C-alpha atoms as a PDB file:
ATOM      1  CA  UNK A   1      17.051  28.921 -12.182  1.00  0.00           C
ATOM      2  CA  UNK A   2      19.334  26.657 -10.164  1.00  0.00           C
ATOM      3  CA  UNK A   3      21.532  29.617  -9.226  1.00  0.00           C
ATOM      4  CA  UNK A   4      18.506  31.395  -7.800  1.00  0.00           C
ATOM      5  CA  UNK A   5      17.049  28.508  -5.795  1.00  0.00           C
ATOM      6  CA  UNK A   6      20.247  26.935  -4.446  1.00  0.00           C
ATOM      7  CA  UNK A   7      21.051  29.776  -1.980  1.00  0.00           C
ATOM      8  CA  UNK A   8      17.485  29.633  -0.692  1.00  0.00           C
ATOM      9  CA  UNK A   9      17.835  25.912   0.055  1.00  0.00           C
ATOM     10  CA  UNK A  10      21.079  26.480   1.950  1.00  0.00           C
ATOM     11  CA  UNK A  11      19.531  29.224   4.077  1.00  0.00           C
ATOM     12  CA  UNK A  12      16.302  27.316   4.758  1.00  0.00           C
ATOM     13  CA  UNK A  13      17.645  25.548   7.848  1.00  0.00           C
ATOM     14  CA  UNK A  14      15.893  22.685   9.632  1.00  0.00           C
ATOM     15  CA  UNK A  15      12.616  21.408   8.229  1.00  0.00           C
ATOM     16  CA  UNK A  16      10.511  18.744   9.899  1.00  0.00           C
ATOM     17  CA  UNK A  17       8.360  16.465   7.796  1.00  0.00           C
ATOM     18  CA  UNK A  18       4.893  15.480   8.942  1.00  0.00           C
ATOM     19  CA  UNK A  19       3.686  11.956   8.204  1.00  0.00           C
ATOM     20  CA  UNK A  20      -0.004  11.482   8.818  1.00  0.00           C
ATOM     21  CA  UNK A  21      -1.822   8.111   8.914  1.00  0.00           C
ATOM     22  CA  UNK A  22      -2.644   8.484   5.223  1.00  0.00           C
ATOM     23  CA  UNK A  23       1.064   8.516   4.379  1.00  0.00           C
ATOM     24  CA  UNK A  24       1.617   5.312   6.327  1.00  0.00           C
ATOM     25  CA  UNK A  25      -1.304   3.718   4.534  1.00  0.00           C
ATOM     26  CA  UNK A  26       0.161   4.625   1.155  1.00  0.00           C
ATOM     27  CA  UNK A  27       3.553   3.175   2.165  1.00  0.00           C
ATOM     28  CA  UNK A  28       1.895  -0.082   3.225  1.00  0.00           C
ATOM     29  CA  UNK A  29      -0.007  -0.237  -0.080  1.00  0.00           C
ATOM     30  CA  UNK A  30       3.235   0.292  -1.992  1.00  0.00           C
ATOM     31  CA  UNK A  31       4.912  -2.569  -0.113  1.00  0.00           C
ATOM     32  CA  UNK A  32       1.943  -4.904  -0.669  1.00  0.00           C
ATOM     33  CA  UNK A  33       1.797  -3.961  -4.352  1.00  0.00           C
ATOM     34  CA  UNK A  34       5.529  -4.550  -4.800  1.00  0.00           C
ATOM     35  CA  UNK A  35       5.253  -7.961  -3.130  1.00  0.00           C
ATOM     36  CA  UNK A  36       2.290  -8.890  -5.334  1.00  0.00           C
ATOM     37  CA  UNK A  37       4.120  -7.754  -8.477  1.00  0.00           C
ATOM     38  CA  UNK A  38       7.228  -9.723  -7.504  1.00  0.00           C
ATOM     39  CA  UNK A  39       5.059 -12.791  -6.892  1.00  0.00           C
ATOM     40  CA  UNK A  40       3.451 -12.472 -10.323  1.00  0.00           C
ATOM     41  CA  UNK A  41       6.789 -12.051 -12.077  1.00  0.00           C
ATOM     42  CA  UNK A  42       8.337 -15.016 -10.267  1.00  0.00           C
ATOM     43  CA  UNK A  43       5.216 -17.106 -10.883  1.00  0.00           C
ATOM     44  CA  UNK A  44       5.157 -16.361 -14.589  1.00  0.00           C
ATOM     45  CA  UNK A  45       8.861 -17.091 -14.981  1.00  0.00           C
ATOM     46  CA  UNK A  46       8.920 -20.115 -12.645  1.00  0.00           C
ATOM     47  CA  UNK A  47       9.487 -22.671 -15.435  1.00  0.00           C
ATOM     48  CA  UNK A  48      12.546 -20.750 -16.666  1.00  0.00           C
ATOM     49  CA  UNK A  49      13.926 -20.392 -13.133  1.00  0.00           C
ATOM     50  CA  UNK A  50      13.301 -24.086 -12.500  1.00  0.00           C
ATOM     51  CA  UNK A  51      15.058 -24.967 -15.762  1.00  0.00           C
ATOM     52  CA  UNK A  52      18.144 -22.970 -14.829  1.00  0.00           C
ATOM     53  CA  UNK A  53      18.561 -24.457 -11.356  1.00  0.00           C
ATOM     54  CA  UNK A  54      16.929 -27.849 -11.894  1.00  0.00           C
ATOM     55  CA  UNK A  55      18.498 -31.183 -12.699  1.00  0.00           C
ATOM     56  CA  UNK A  56      18.896 -32.179 -16.311  1.00  0.00           C
ATOM     57  CA  UNK A  57      18.255 -35.928 -16.053  1.00  0.00           C
ATOM     58  CA  UNK A  58      16.881 -36.340 -19.577  1.00  0.00           C
ATOM     59  CA  UNK A  59      20.154 -35.195 -21.179  1.00  0.00           C
ATOM     60  CA  UNK A  60      22.224 -37.518 -18.999  1.00  0.00           C
ATOM     61  CA  UNK A  61      20.070 -40.551 -19.875  1.00  0.00           C
ATOM     62  CA  UNK A  62      20.349 -39.864 -23.604  1.00  0.00           C
ATOM     63  CA  UNK A  63      24.160 -39.750 -23.439  1.00  0.00           C
ATOM     64  CA  UNK A  64      24.456 -43.017 -21.474  1.00  0.00           C
ATOM     65  CA  UNK A  65      22.416 -44.985 -24.038  1.00  0.00           C
ATOM     66  CA  UNK A  66      24.885 -44.377 -26.871  1.00  0.00           C
END
């Protein structure tokens, strides 16, 4: 199948794509959805992220008491 369609693609030449307002709306919705999903993931994992980059004062206090 590839051998039959590949020569047709090479001979097709220039093709212009048409983007109507509906396409732009879908792209905006995708960007908003991706930002919302990233916010939810970061929000749900915030305690783990904070633990990785945060200070560990409780461990330092326990070691100094000994």
